[in-house]
N, C-alpha and C. Protein backbone atom coordinates (compact mmCIF):
# COMPACT_ATOMS: atom_id res chain seq x y z
N MET A 1 92.79 46.03 -82.32
CA MET A 1 93.19 44.79 -83.01
C MET A 1 94.54 44.97 -83.67
N ASN A 2 95.39 43.94 -83.60
CA ASN A 2 96.71 43.98 -84.21
C ASN A 2 96.60 44.29 -85.69
N GLU A 3 97.46 45.23 -86.16
CA GLU A 3 97.41 45.63 -87.57
C GLU A 3 97.80 44.47 -88.48
N ALA A 4 98.57 43.52 -87.93
CA ALA A 4 99.01 42.39 -88.75
C ALA A 4 97.98 41.26 -88.77
N SER A 5 96.71 41.62 -88.73
CA SER A 5 95.65 40.62 -88.83
C SER A 5 94.70 41.00 -89.96
N VAL A 6 93.99 40.02 -90.47
CA VAL A 6 93.08 40.26 -91.59
C VAL A 6 91.73 39.63 -91.28
N VAL A 7 90.71 40.08 -91.99
CA VAL A 7 89.37 39.53 -91.82
C VAL A 7 89.35 38.11 -92.38
N ALA A 8 88.84 37.17 -91.57
CA ALA A 8 88.69 35.78 -92.00
C ALA A 8 87.21 35.41 -92.14
N TRP A 9 86.40 35.85 -91.19
CA TRP A 9 84.97 35.52 -91.19
C TRP A 9 84.15 36.77 -90.92
N ASP A 10 83.14 37.01 -91.74
CA ASP A 10 82.31 38.20 -91.53
C ASP A 10 81.33 37.96 -90.36
N GLY A 11 80.69 39.04 -89.93
CA GLY A 11 79.79 38.97 -88.78
C GLY A 11 78.64 38.00 -88.96
N PRO A 12 77.89 38.05 -90.06
CA PRO A 12 76.77 37.13 -90.24
C PRO A 12 77.18 35.67 -90.18
N THR A 13 78.34 35.33 -90.74
CA THR A 13 78.80 33.94 -90.71
C THR A 13 79.12 33.50 -89.29
N ARG A 14 79.74 34.39 -88.52
CA ARG A 14 80.06 34.03 -87.14
C ARG A 14 78.80 33.90 -86.28
N VAL A 15 77.85 34.80 -86.50
CA VAL A 15 76.58 34.71 -85.75
C VAL A 15 75.88 33.40 -86.08
N PHE A 16 75.89 33.02 -87.35
CA PHE A 16 75.28 31.74 -87.74
C PHE A 16 75.96 30.58 -87.04
N LYS A 17 77.29 30.55 -87.03
CA LYS A 17 78.02 29.43 -86.45
C LYS A 17 77.64 29.22 -84.98
N TRP A 18 77.66 30.32 -84.22
CA TRP A 18 77.37 30.20 -82.80
C TRP A 18 75.89 29.97 -82.53
N ALA A 19 75.04 30.50 -83.40
CA ALA A 19 73.60 30.25 -83.26
C ALA A 19 73.30 28.77 -83.50
N LEU A 20 73.98 28.16 -84.46
CA LEU A 20 73.76 26.74 -84.75
C LEU A 20 74.26 25.88 -83.58
N VAL A 21 75.38 26.26 -82.98
CA VAL A 21 75.88 25.55 -81.81
C VAL A 21 74.82 25.59 -80.70
N PHE A 22 74.25 26.77 -80.48
CA PHE A 22 73.23 26.93 -79.45
C PHE A 22 71.99 26.10 -79.77
N VAL A 23 71.56 26.11 -81.02
CA VAL A 23 70.35 25.39 -81.42
C VAL A 23 70.52 23.88 -81.24
N VAL A 24 71.68 23.35 -81.62
CA VAL A 24 71.92 21.92 -81.45
C VAL A 24 71.92 21.55 -79.97
N LEU A 25 72.58 22.38 -79.15
CA LEU A 25 72.59 22.12 -77.71
C LEU A 25 71.20 22.25 -77.12
N ASP A 26 70.48 23.28 -77.54
CA ASP A 26 69.13 23.50 -77.02
C ASP A 26 68.17 22.40 -77.48
N GLY A 27 68.44 21.83 -78.64
CA GLY A 27 67.62 20.72 -79.12
C GLY A 27 67.71 19.54 -78.17
N TRP A 28 68.93 19.26 -77.71
CA TRP A 28 69.11 18.17 -76.75
C TRP A 28 68.45 18.50 -75.42
N ILE A 29 68.63 19.75 -74.95
CA ILE A 29 68.06 20.15 -73.66
C ILE A 29 66.53 20.10 -73.71
N SER A 30 65.95 20.66 -74.78
CA SER A 30 64.48 20.69 -74.88
C SER A 30 63.89 19.31 -75.03
N ASN A 31 64.63 18.40 -75.67
CA ASN A 31 64.14 17.03 -75.81
C ASN A 31 64.27 16.26 -74.51
N THR A 32 65.33 16.53 -73.76
CA THR A 32 65.60 15.79 -72.52
C THR A 32 64.80 16.30 -71.34
N TYR A 33 64.67 17.62 -71.25
CA TYR A 33 64.05 18.21 -70.07
C TYR A 33 62.77 18.99 -70.36
N GLY A 34 62.39 19.10 -71.62
CA GLY A 34 61.24 19.93 -71.97
C GLY A 34 59.99 19.18 -72.33
N GLY A 35 59.81 17.98 -71.75
CA GLY A 35 58.64 17.18 -72.09
C GLY A 35 57.32 17.88 -71.81
N ALA A 36 57.32 18.73 -70.79
CA ALA A 36 56.09 19.45 -70.44
C ALA A 36 55.85 20.67 -71.34
N TYR A 37 56.84 20.96 -72.18
CA TYR A 37 56.73 22.13 -73.06
C TYR A 37 57.09 21.73 -74.50
N PRO A 38 56.24 20.97 -75.18
CA PRO A 38 56.56 20.49 -76.54
C PRO A 38 56.81 21.62 -77.53
N ALA A 39 56.19 22.77 -77.30
CA ALA A 39 56.40 23.89 -78.23
C ALA A 39 57.86 24.34 -78.23
N TRP A 40 58.53 24.15 -77.11
CA TRP A 40 59.95 24.52 -76.99
C TRP A 40 60.78 23.76 -78.00
N HIS A 41 60.59 22.44 -78.07
CA HIS A 41 61.37 21.61 -78.99
C HIS A 41 60.99 21.91 -80.44
N LYS A 42 59.71 22.18 -80.68
CA LYS A 42 59.28 22.51 -82.04
C LYS A 42 59.92 23.82 -82.51
N LEU A 43 59.91 24.81 -81.65
CA LEU A 43 60.51 26.09 -82.01
C LEU A 43 62.00 25.92 -82.28
N ASN A 44 62.62 25.04 -81.53
CA ASN A 44 64.03 24.76 -81.76
C ASN A 44 64.24 24.17 -83.16
N GLY A 45 63.34 23.25 -83.54
CA GLY A 45 63.45 22.64 -84.86
C GLY A 45 63.25 23.65 -85.98
N TYR A 46 62.26 24.54 -85.82
CA TYR A 46 62.04 25.57 -86.84
C TYR A 46 63.26 26.48 -86.96
N THR A 47 63.84 26.82 -85.82
CA THR A 47 65.02 27.69 -85.82
C THR A 47 66.17 27.01 -86.56
N ALA A 48 66.35 25.71 -86.31
CA ALA A 48 67.40 24.97 -87.00
C ALA A 48 67.19 24.98 -88.51
N LEU A 49 65.95 24.76 -88.94
CA LEU A 49 65.65 24.77 -90.37
C LEU A 49 65.92 26.14 -90.98
N VAL A 50 65.48 27.19 -90.31
CA VAL A 50 65.68 28.54 -90.82
C VAL A 50 67.16 28.84 -90.92
N LEU A 51 67.93 28.46 -89.90
CA LEU A 51 69.37 28.71 -89.92
C LEU A 51 70.04 27.99 -91.08
N ILE A 52 69.66 26.74 -91.31
CA ILE A 52 70.30 25.97 -92.40
C ILE A 52 69.96 26.56 -93.75
N VAL A 53 68.68 26.93 -93.95
CA VAL A 53 68.30 27.54 -95.22
C VAL A 53 69.02 28.87 -95.39
N PHE A 54 69.12 29.64 -94.31
CA PHE A 54 69.90 30.89 -94.36
C PHE A 54 71.32 30.61 -94.80
N ARG A 55 71.94 29.57 -94.20
CA ARG A 55 73.35 29.28 -94.54
C ARG A 55 73.51 28.84 -95.98
N ILE A 56 72.52 28.13 -96.50
CA ILE A 56 72.57 27.73 -97.91
C ILE A 56 72.55 28.97 -98.80
N LEU A 57 71.64 29.91 -98.49
CA LEU A 57 71.58 31.16 -99.26
C LEU A 57 72.88 31.93 -99.11
N TRP A 58 73.37 32.01 -97.87
CA TRP A 58 74.58 32.78 -97.58
C TRP A 58 75.80 32.14 -98.25
N GLY A 59 75.71 30.86 -98.51
CA GLY A 59 76.79 30.17 -99.19
C GLY A 59 76.96 30.59 -100.64
N PHE A 60 75.98 31.32 -101.16
CA PHE A 60 76.05 31.82 -102.54
C PHE A 60 76.22 33.33 -102.61
N VAL A 61 75.72 34.06 -101.60
CA VAL A 61 75.75 35.53 -101.68
C VAL A 61 76.47 36.16 -100.49
N GLY A 62 77.04 35.35 -99.60
CA GLY A 62 77.68 35.89 -98.41
C GLY A 62 79.11 36.34 -98.64
N GLY A 63 79.84 36.52 -97.55
CA GLY A 63 81.24 36.91 -97.63
C GLY A 63 82.07 35.88 -98.37
N SER A 64 83.27 36.27 -98.80
CA SER A 64 84.07 35.41 -99.67
C SER A 64 84.43 34.07 -99.01
N THR A 65 84.70 34.04 -97.71
CA THR A 65 85.04 32.76 -97.07
C THR A 65 83.80 31.96 -96.70
N ALA A 66 82.63 32.57 -96.79
CA ALA A 66 81.38 31.87 -96.46
C ALA A 66 80.80 31.17 -97.67
N ARG A 67 81.24 31.52 -98.86
CA ARG A 67 80.66 30.95 -100.08
C ARG A 67 81.15 29.54 -100.31
N PHE A 68 80.24 28.69 -100.74
CA PHE A 68 80.58 27.28 -100.96
C PHE A 68 81.74 27.12 -101.95
N GLY A 69 81.77 28.02 -102.92
CA GLY A 69 82.82 27.94 -103.93
C GLY A 69 84.21 28.11 -103.35
N SER A 70 84.32 28.67 -102.15
CA SER A 70 85.63 28.91 -101.56
C SER A 70 86.13 27.74 -100.73
N PHE A 71 85.23 26.80 -100.35
CA PHE A 71 85.70 25.73 -99.49
C PHE A 71 85.18 24.33 -99.83
N VAL A 72 84.24 24.20 -100.75
CA VAL A 72 83.79 22.87 -101.17
C VAL A 72 84.70 22.43 -102.32
N ALA A 73 85.64 21.55 -102.01
CA ALA A 73 86.69 21.18 -102.96
C ALA A 73 86.48 19.79 -103.54
N MET A 74 87.02 19.59 -104.71
CA MET A 74 87.00 18.26 -105.34
C MET A 74 87.96 17.34 -104.59
N PRO A 75 87.77 16.01 -104.71
CA PRO A 75 88.62 15.06 -103.97
C PRO A 75 90.12 15.27 -104.19
N GLY A 76 90.51 15.63 -105.38
CA GLY A 76 91.92 15.85 -105.65
C GLY A 76 92.52 16.96 -104.79
N LYS A 77 91.76 18.03 -104.59
CA LYS A 77 92.24 19.13 -103.77
C LYS A 77 92.28 18.73 -102.29
N VAL A 78 91.34 17.90 -101.89
CA VAL A 78 91.35 17.41 -100.50
C VAL A 78 92.60 16.57 -100.25
N LEU A 79 92.92 15.67 -101.16
CA LEU A 79 94.11 14.84 -101.03
C LEU A 79 95.38 15.68 -101.05
N ALA A 80 95.39 16.70 -101.92
CA ALA A 80 96.56 17.58 -101.97
C ALA A 80 96.73 18.34 -100.66
N TYR A 81 95.61 18.75 -100.07
CA TYR A 81 95.69 19.45 -98.79
C TYR A 81 96.24 18.54 -97.70
N ILE A 82 95.77 17.30 -97.68
CA ILE A 82 96.25 16.34 -96.67
C ILE A 82 97.76 16.14 -96.80
N ALA A 83 98.25 16.19 -98.06
CA ALA A 83 99.68 15.96 -98.29
C ALA A 83 100.54 17.16 -97.94
N ASP A 84 100.06 18.39 -98.27
CA ASP A 84 100.95 19.56 -98.07
C ASP A 84 100.59 20.45 -96.89
N LYS A 85 99.33 20.30 -96.38
CA LYS A 85 98.89 21.06 -95.19
C LYS A 85 99.10 22.57 -95.32
N LYS A 86 98.74 23.14 -96.46
CA LYS A 86 98.85 24.59 -96.62
C LYS A 86 97.82 25.29 -95.72
N LYS A 87 98.10 26.52 -95.34
CA LYS A 87 97.17 27.28 -94.51
C LYS A 87 96.08 27.91 -95.37
N PHE A 88 94.86 27.89 -94.87
CA PHE A 88 93.74 28.50 -95.56
C PHE A 88 93.12 29.54 -94.65
N LEU A 89 92.74 30.68 -95.22
CA LEU A 89 92.09 31.72 -94.44
C LEU A 89 90.71 31.27 -94.01
N GLY A 90 89.96 30.69 -94.93
CA GLY A 90 88.64 30.14 -94.63
C GLY A 90 88.76 28.68 -94.27
N HIS A 91 87.72 27.91 -94.57
CA HIS A 91 87.79 26.47 -94.33
C HIS A 91 88.79 25.82 -95.27
N ASN A 92 89.61 24.93 -94.75
CA ASN A 92 90.47 24.17 -95.64
C ASN A 92 89.63 23.11 -96.35
N PRO A 93 90.15 22.47 -97.42
CA PRO A 93 89.34 21.52 -98.19
C PRO A 93 88.75 20.39 -97.37
N LEU A 94 89.49 19.89 -96.38
CA LEU A 94 88.97 18.80 -95.55
C LEU A 94 87.92 19.33 -94.58
N GLY A 95 88.20 20.46 -93.95
CA GLY A 95 87.25 21.06 -93.03
C GLY A 95 85.98 21.50 -93.73
N GLY A 96 86.11 21.90 -94.99
CA GLY A 96 84.94 22.32 -95.76
C GLY A 96 83.91 21.22 -95.89
N TRP A 97 84.39 19.99 -96.12
CA TRP A 97 83.46 18.87 -96.25
C TRP A 97 82.85 18.48 -94.91
N MET A 98 83.59 18.73 -93.82
CA MET A 98 83.02 18.51 -92.50
C MET A 98 81.86 19.48 -92.25
N VAL A 99 82.02 20.72 -92.69
CA VAL A 99 80.98 21.72 -92.55
C VAL A 99 79.75 21.29 -93.36
N VAL A 100 79.96 20.85 -94.58
CA VAL A 100 78.84 20.39 -95.43
C VAL A 100 78.12 19.22 -94.75
N ALA A 101 78.88 18.30 -94.18
CA ALA A 101 78.27 17.14 -93.52
C ALA A 101 77.43 17.57 -92.32
N LEU A 102 77.94 18.50 -91.53
CA LEU A 102 77.19 18.96 -90.36
C LEU A 102 75.91 19.68 -90.76
N LEU A 103 76.01 20.52 -91.80
CA LEU A 103 74.82 21.21 -92.29
C LEU A 103 73.77 20.22 -92.78
N ALA A 104 74.23 19.20 -93.52
CA ALA A 104 73.32 18.19 -94.05
C ALA A 104 72.66 17.40 -92.93
N LEU A 105 73.41 17.07 -91.90
CA LEU A 105 72.87 16.30 -90.78
C LEU A 105 71.84 17.10 -90.00
N VAL A 106 72.13 18.35 -89.72
CA VAL A 106 71.17 19.19 -89.00
C VAL A 106 69.90 19.38 -89.82
N LEU A 107 70.07 19.56 -91.15
CA LEU A 107 68.91 19.70 -92.02
C LEU A 107 68.07 18.44 -92.01
N ALA A 108 68.73 17.28 -92.11
CA ALA A 108 68.00 16.01 -92.11
C ALA A 108 67.30 15.78 -90.78
N MET A 109 67.96 16.13 -89.69
CA MET A 109 67.33 15.93 -88.38
C MET A 109 66.09 16.82 -88.23
N ALA A 110 66.21 18.08 -88.66
CA ALA A 110 65.08 19.00 -88.53
C ALA A 110 63.92 18.56 -89.41
N ILE A 111 64.20 18.12 -90.63
CA ILE A 111 63.13 17.68 -91.53
C ILE A 111 62.45 16.43 -90.98
N SER A 112 63.23 15.48 -90.46
CA SER A 112 62.64 14.28 -89.89
C SER A 112 61.76 14.62 -88.69
N GLY A 113 62.14 15.66 -87.97
CA GLY A 113 61.33 16.08 -86.82
C GLY A 113 59.96 16.59 -87.21
N LEU A 114 59.83 17.12 -88.40
CA LEU A 114 58.53 17.60 -88.86
C LEU A 114 57.50 16.49 -88.96
N PHE A 115 57.98 15.27 -89.21
CA PHE A 115 57.08 14.12 -89.40
C PHE A 115 57.10 13.16 -88.22
N SER A 116 57.85 13.51 -87.17
CA SER A 116 58.01 12.61 -86.03
C SER A 116 56.93 12.85 -84.96
N ALA A 117 56.80 11.87 -84.07
CA ALA A 117 55.91 11.99 -82.93
C ALA A 117 56.35 10.95 -81.89
N ASP A 118 55.95 11.17 -80.64
CA ASP A 118 56.23 10.15 -79.64
C ASP A 118 55.31 8.95 -79.90
N GLU A 119 55.57 7.86 -79.22
CA GLU A 119 54.87 6.60 -79.53
C GLU A 119 53.35 6.72 -79.46
N ASP A 120 52.85 7.43 -78.46
CA ASP A 120 51.41 7.56 -78.29
C ASP A 120 50.86 8.89 -78.79
N ARG A 121 51.76 9.74 -79.29
CA ARG A 121 51.38 11.07 -79.77
C ARG A 121 50.68 11.89 -78.67
N LEU A 122 51.14 11.70 -77.45
CA LEU A 122 50.55 12.43 -76.33
C LEU A 122 51.42 13.60 -75.86
N ILE A 123 52.71 13.52 -76.16
CA ILE A 123 53.64 14.56 -75.68
C ILE A 123 54.00 15.53 -76.79
N ILE A 124 54.48 15.00 -77.89
CA ILE A 124 54.89 15.88 -78.98
C ILE A 124 54.58 15.21 -80.32
N GLU A 125 54.18 16.04 -81.26
CA GLU A 125 53.87 15.56 -82.60
C GLU A 125 54.31 16.62 -83.58
N GLY A 126 55.07 16.22 -84.58
CA GLY A 126 55.53 17.16 -85.59
C GLY A 126 54.36 17.76 -86.37
N PRO A 127 54.50 18.96 -86.88
CA PRO A 127 53.39 19.63 -87.57
C PRO A 127 52.92 18.93 -88.84
N LEU A 128 53.76 18.06 -89.39
CA LEU A 128 53.38 17.37 -90.62
C LEU A 128 53.13 15.87 -90.39
N ALA A 129 53.14 15.45 -89.12
CA ALA A 129 52.97 14.03 -88.82
C ALA A 129 51.61 13.51 -89.28
N LYS A 130 50.59 14.35 -89.22
CA LYS A 130 49.24 13.91 -89.61
C LYS A 130 49.07 13.81 -91.12
N THR A 131 50.04 14.24 -91.87
CA THR A 131 49.94 14.20 -93.33
C THR A 131 50.54 12.92 -93.91
N VAL A 132 51.11 12.07 -93.06
CA VAL A 132 51.73 10.83 -93.55
C VAL A 132 51.21 9.64 -92.75
N ALA A 133 51.52 8.44 -93.22
CA ALA A 133 51.07 7.21 -92.54
C ALA A 133 51.80 7.03 -91.21
N ASP A 134 51.18 6.26 -90.31
CA ASP A 134 51.78 6.01 -89.00
C ASP A 134 53.17 5.38 -89.12
N ALA A 135 53.33 4.48 -90.09
CA ALA A 135 54.63 3.83 -90.27
C ALA A 135 55.71 4.85 -90.64
N THR A 136 55.32 5.84 -91.44
CA THR A 136 56.26 6.89 -91.82
C THR A 136 56.64 7.74 -90.60
N VAL A 137 55.67 8.00 -89.74
CA VAL A 137 55.92 8.76 -88.53
C VAL A 137 56.92 8.02 -87.64
N ASP A 138 56.72 6.71 -87.50
CA ASP A 138 57.62 5.90 -86.67
C ASP A 138 59.03 5.88 -87.26
N THR A 139 59.12 5.78 -88.58
CA THR A 139 60.42 5.78 -89.24
C THR A 139 61.12 7.12 -89.07
N ALA A 140 60.34 8.21 -89.22
CA ALA A 140 60.90 9.54 -89.07
C ALA A 140 61.42 9.75 -87.64
N ALA A 141 60.67 9.26 -86.66
CA ALA A 141 61.10 9.41 -85.25
C ALA A 141 62.37 8.62 -84.99
N LEU A 142 62.47 7.43 -85.59
CA LEU A 142 63.66 6.60 -85.42
C LEU A 142 64.88 7.31 -85.99
N TRP A 143 64.74 7.83 -87.22
CA TRP A 143 65.87 8.50 -87.85
C TRP A 143 66.17 9.84 -87.18
N HIS A 144 65.17 10.47 -86.62
CA HIS A 144 65.40 11.72 -85.88
C HIS A 144 66.39 11.48 -84.74
N ARG A 145 66.21 10.37 -84.05
CA ARG A 145 67.13 10.03 -82.95
C ARG A 145 68.50 9.60 -83.48
N ARG A 146 68.50 8.80 -84.53
CA ARG A 146 69.76 8.32 -85.08
C ARG A 146 70.61 9.46 -85.63
N ILE A 147 69.97 10.38 -86.30
CA ILE A 147 70.72 11.51 -86.89
C ILE A 147 71.32 12.38 -85.80
N PHE A 148 70.60 12.54 -84.69
CA PHE A 148 71.18 13.35 -83.61
C PHE A 148 72.42 12.67 -83.05
N THR A 149 72.40 11.34 -82.95
CA THR A 149 73.59 10.62 -82.51
C THR A 149 74.75 10.86 -83.47
N ALA A 150 74.45 10.84 -84.77
CA ALA A 150 75.48 11.11 -85.78
C ALA A 150 76.03 12.54 -85.63
N ILE A 151 75.15 13.48 -85.33
CA ILE A 151 75.59 14.86 -85.14
C ILE A 151 76.54 14.95 -83.95
N GLU A 152 76.22 14.24 -82.87
CA GLU A 152 77.10 14.24 -81.70
C GLU A 152 78.49 13.74 -82.07
N VAL A 153 78.56 12.69 -82.88
CA VAL A 153 79.85 12.14 -83.29
C VAL A 153 80.60 13.13 -84.16
N PHE A 154 79.92 13.72 -85.14
CA PHE A 154 80.57 14.66 -86.05
C PHE A 154 81.02 15.92 -85.33
N VAL A 155 80.21 16.40 -84.38
CA VAL A 155 80.60 17.59 -83.61
C VAL A 155 81.86 17.30 -82.80
N ALA A 156 81.91 16.11 -82.17
CA ALA A 156 83.08 15.74 -81.39
C ALA A 156 84.34 15.69 -82.29
N LEU A 157 84.19 15.10 -83.48
CA LEU A 157 85.30 15.05 -84.43
C LEU A 157 85.72 16.44 -84.88
N HIS A 158 84.72 17.29 -85.13
CA HIS A 158 84.99 18.65 -85.61
C HIS A 158 85.74 19.45 -84.55
N VAL A 159 85.29 19.37 -83.32
CA VAL A 159 85.94 20.11 -82.23
C VAL A 159 87.36 19.59 -82.02
N ALA A 160 87.51 18.26 -81.98
CA ALA A 160 88.83 17.66 -81.79
C ALA A 160 89.79 18.05 -82.90
N ALA A 161 89.30 18.02 -84.14
CA ALA A 161 90.15 18.38 -85.28
C ALA A 161 90.59 19.83 -85.20
N ASN A 162 89.67 20.72 -84.79
CA ASN A 162 90.00 22.13 -84.68
C ASN A 162 91.02 22.38 -83.58
N VAL A 163 90.84 21.70 -82.45
CA VAL A 163 91.78 21.87 -81.34
C VAL A 163 93.17 21.35 -81.71
N ILE A 164 93.21 20.16 -82.31
CA ILE A 164 94.50 19.57 -82.71
C ILE A 164 95.18 20.44 -83.74
N TYR A 165 94.40 20.91 -84.74
CA TYR A 165 94.99 21.75 -85.79
C TYR A 165 95.52 23.05 -85.21
N ALA A 166 94.74 23.65 -84.28
CA ALA A 166 95.16 24.92 -83.68
C ALA A 166 96.44 24.73 -82.88
N LEU A 167 96.58 23.59 -82.21
CA LEU A 167 97.79 23.35 -81.41
C LEU A 167 99.00 23.02 -82.27
N THR A 168 98.80 22.22 -83.32
CA THR A 168 99.93 21.80 -84.14
C THR A 168 100.38 22.88 -85.10
N SER A 169 99.44 23.67 -85.61
CA SER A 169 99.81 24.73 -86.57
C SER A 169 99.97 26.08 -85.91
N ARG A 170 99.59 26.14 -84.63
CA ARG A 170 99.63 27.40 -83.87
C ARG A 170 98.83 28.50 -84.57
N GLU A 171 97.70 28.06 -85.15
CA GLU A 171 96.80 29.00 -85.82
C GLU A 171 95.56 29.18 -84.93
N PRO A 172 95.19 30.43 -84.60
CA PRO A 172 94.08 30.68 -83.65
C PRO A 172 92.71 30.48 -84.27
N LEU A 173 92.35 29.22 -84.54
CA LEU A 173 91.09 28.94 -85.21
C LEU A 173 89.89 29.34 -84.36
N ILE A 174 89.89 28.92 -83.10
CA ILE A 174 88.76 29.18 -82.23
C ILE A 174 88.62 30.68 -81.99
N GLN A 175 89.74 31.35 -81.78
CA GLN A 175 89.71 32.81 -81.60
C GLN A 175 89.15 33.49 -82.84
N ALA A 176 89.52 32.99 -84.03
CA ALA A 176 89.03 33.59 -85.27
C ALA A 176 87.53 33.42 -85.42
N MET A 177 86.98 32.34 -84.87
CA MET A 177 85.55 32.12 -84.95
C MET A 177 84.80 33.12 -84.08
N ILE A 178 85.51 33.72 -83.14
CA ILE A 178 84.89 34.72 -82.26
C ILE A 178 85.14 36.12 -82.76
N THR A 179 86.39 36.42 -83.08
CA THR A 179 86.76 37.79 -83.50
C THR A 179 86.57 38.03 -84.97
N GLY A 180 86.63 36.95 -85.75
CA GLY A 180 86.50 37.09 -87.20
C GLY A 180 87.82 37.42 -87.90
N ARG A 181 88.93 37.38 -87.16
CA ARG A 181 90.21 37.77 -87.76
C ARG A 181 91.27 36.69 -87.51
N LYS A 182 92.24 36.65 -88.44
CA LYS A 182 93.40 35.78 -88.32
C LYS A 182 94.66 36.59 -88.58
N PRO A 183 95.82 36.09 -88.13
CA PRO A 183 97.07 36.79 -88.44
C PRO A 183 97.29 36.84 -89.94
N ALA A 184 97.81 37.95 -90.43
CA ALA A 184 98.11 38.07 -91.86
C ALA A 184 99.15 37.03 -92.23
N ASP A 185 98.93 36.35 -93.37
CA ASP A 185 99.84 35.29 -93.79
C ASP A 185 99.61 35.03 -95.26
N THR A 186 100.43 34.17 -95.83
CA THR A 186 100.27 33.80 -97.24
C THR A 186 99.34 32.59 -97.33
N TYR A 187 98.04 32.83 -97.19
CA TYR A 187 97.05 31.75 -97.20
C TYR A 187 96.84 31.24 -98.63
N ALA A 188 96.50 29.97 -98.73
CA ALA A 188 96.37 29.33 -100.04
C ALA A 188 95.12 29.78 -100.80
N ASP A 189 94.06 30.19 -100.06
CA ASP A 189 92.81 30.53 -100.74
C ASP A 189 92.69 32.02 -101.03
N MET A 190 92.97 32.86 -100.07
CA MET A 190 92.91 34.32 -100.26
C MET A 190 93.66 35.00 -99.13
N LEU A 191 94.10 36.22 -99.34
CA LEU A 191 94.90 36.92 -98.34
C LEU A 191 94.01 37.58 -97.29
N ALA A 192 92.81 37.99 -97.66
CA ALA A 192 91.87 38.60 -96.73
C ALA A 192 90.46 38.35 -97.25
N ALA A 193 89.52 38.22 -96.35
CA ALA A 193 88.15 37.95 -96.75
C ALA A 193 87.41 39.23 -97.08
N GLU A 194 86.47 39.11 -98.00
CA GLU A 194 85.56 40.23 -98.30
C GLU A 194 84.26 39.98 -97.55
N PRO A 195 83.96 40.79 -96.52
CA PRO A 195 82.77 40.53 -95.69
C PRO A 195 81.47 40.67 -96.48
N GLY A 196 80.48 39.89 -96.08
CA GLY A 196 79.14 40.04 -96.62
C GLY A 196 78.38 41.06 -95.82
N PRO A 197 77.61 41.94 -96.44
CA PRO A 197 76.90 43.00 -95.71
C PRO A 197 75.77 42.47 -94.85
N TRP A 198 75.55 43.15 -93.72
CA TRP A 198 74.49 42.74 -92.80
C TRP A 198 73.10 42.86 -93.43
N GLY A 199 72.90 43.86 -94.27
CA GLY A 199 71.59 44.02 -94.92
C GLY A 199 71.25 42.82 -95.77
N ARG A 200 72.22 42.33 -96.51
CA ARG A 200 72.00 41.15 -97.35
C ARG A 200 71.74 39.92 -96.48
N ALA A 201 72.44 39.84 -95.35
CA ALA A 201 72.24 38.72 -94.44
C ALA A 201 70.82 38.74 -93.86
N PHE A 202 70.34 39.92 -93.50
CA PHE A 202 68.99 40.05 -92.95
C PHE A 202 67.95 39.64 -93.99
N ALA A 203 68.20 40.04 -95.25
CA ALA A 203 67.27 39.66 -96.33
C ALA A 203 67.26 38.15 -96.51
N CYS A 204 68.43 37.51 -96.42
CA CYS A 204 68.51 36.06 -96.54
C CYS A 204 67.77 35.38 -95.40
N LEU A 205 67.85 35.97 -94.20
CA LEU A 205 67.17 35.41 -93.03
C LEU A 205 65.66 35.48 -93.22
N LEU A 206 65.16 36.60 -93.73
CA LEU A 206 63.72 36.74 -93.96
C LEU A 206 63.24 35.73 -95.01
N VAL A 207 64.00 35.58 -96.07
CA VAL A 207 63.65 34.62 -97.12
C VAL A 207 63.65 33.20 -96.54
N ALA A 208 64.67 32.89 -95.73
CA ALA A 208 64.76 31.56 -95.13
C ALA A 208 63.56 31.27 -94.23
N ALA A 209 63.17 32.26 -93.43
CA ALA A 209 62.03 32.08 -92.52
C ALA A 209 60.75 31.83 -93.31
N PHE A 210 60.57 32.56 -94.40
CA PHE A 210 59.36 32.36 -95.22
C PHE A 210 59.39 31.00 -95.89
N VAL A 211 60.54 30.62 -96.46
CA VAL A 211 60.66 29.34 -97.18
C VAL A 211 60.38 28.18 -96.23
N VAL A 212 60.79 28.29 -94.97
CA VAL A 212 60.59 27.21 -94.00
C VAL A 212 59.17 27.20 -93.43
N LEU A 213 58.73 28.34 -92.92
CA LEU A 213 57.49 28.37 -92.13
C LEU A 213 56.23 28.37 -92.97
N ALA A 214 56.24 29.06 -94.11
CA ALA A 214 55.02 29.14 -94.92
C ALA A 214 54.54 27.77 -95.40
N PRO A 215 55.41 26.94 -96.00
CA PRO A 215 54.93 25.61 -96.45
C PRO A 215 54.48 24.71 -95.30
N ILE A 216 55.18 24.80 -94.15
CA ILE A 216 54.76 23.97 -93.01
C ILE A 216 53.36 24.36 -92.56
N TYR A 217 53.09 25.65 -92.49
CA TYR A 217 51.77 26.11 -92.06
C TYR A 217 50.70 25.75 -93.08
N VAL A 218 51.01 25.91 -94.36
CA VAL A 218 50.03 25.61 -95.40
C VAL A 218 49.71 24.10 -95.46
N ILE A 219 50.76 23.27 -95.38
CA ILE A 219 50.56 21.82 -95.51
C ILE A 219 49.99 21.23 -94.21
N GLY A 220 50.56 21.68 -93.07
CA GLY A 220 50.15 21.09 -91.81
C GLY A 220 49.01 21.80 -91.14
N GLY A 221 48.75 23.03 -91.53
CA GLY A 221 47.67 23.79 -90.95
C GLY A 221 47.98 24.40 -89.60
N ARG A 222 49.21 24.22 -89.14
CA ARG A 222 49.58 24.77 -87.84
C ARG A 222 51.11 24.74 -87.74
N LEU A 223 51.63 25.44 -86.74
CA LEU A 223 53.07 25.40 -86.46
C LEU A 223 53.34 24.80 -85.09
N LEU A 224 52.51 25.17 -84.10
CA LEU A 224 52.71 24.65 -82.75
C LEU A 224 51.52 23.79 -82.32
């Protein structure tokens, strides 16, 4: 690796990013082509929930660029960024809110899936669907579909914004999401990231899995 590069994203953060991309894509595939295997789509939903809860935890104890405090900015800072376009090692103030929006949408979609079911409840039924009224199940299913459409729109905007920014600023954003490094520069937020340890990330993952799966099993009496 070029000596004139610095750490931008730690390993756990990068694994999360690409795992979430896979889960969102797999959610569409399992819903479209996995009608004969309802457990496939349910497992996808659980994975999405665990990943989001992990990311919330990691946003407080993870690497320096992964922490919410480093990229969730007040409106004034967002407007200032739009005006001066300073370079940021981690998420810039505008991109930071896009990340928050995507996390919130995936979380909302996964939660709505817990209470959703197909019209006749013959193909797939969420593990908590039997704990609520039929009208609530229908509403959850409706919003489950609507939220996924919103995710498609936000993902398209996110990808387009990253590509345009990378081309106009000549900053290797996509490469950095893979390698975890960016060229050394005078970034507005920090000069180099402090990585979060893998052991702490694994502990957060275990906590996230328990926080998600235990209540679902206790309340719904089953997972699949």
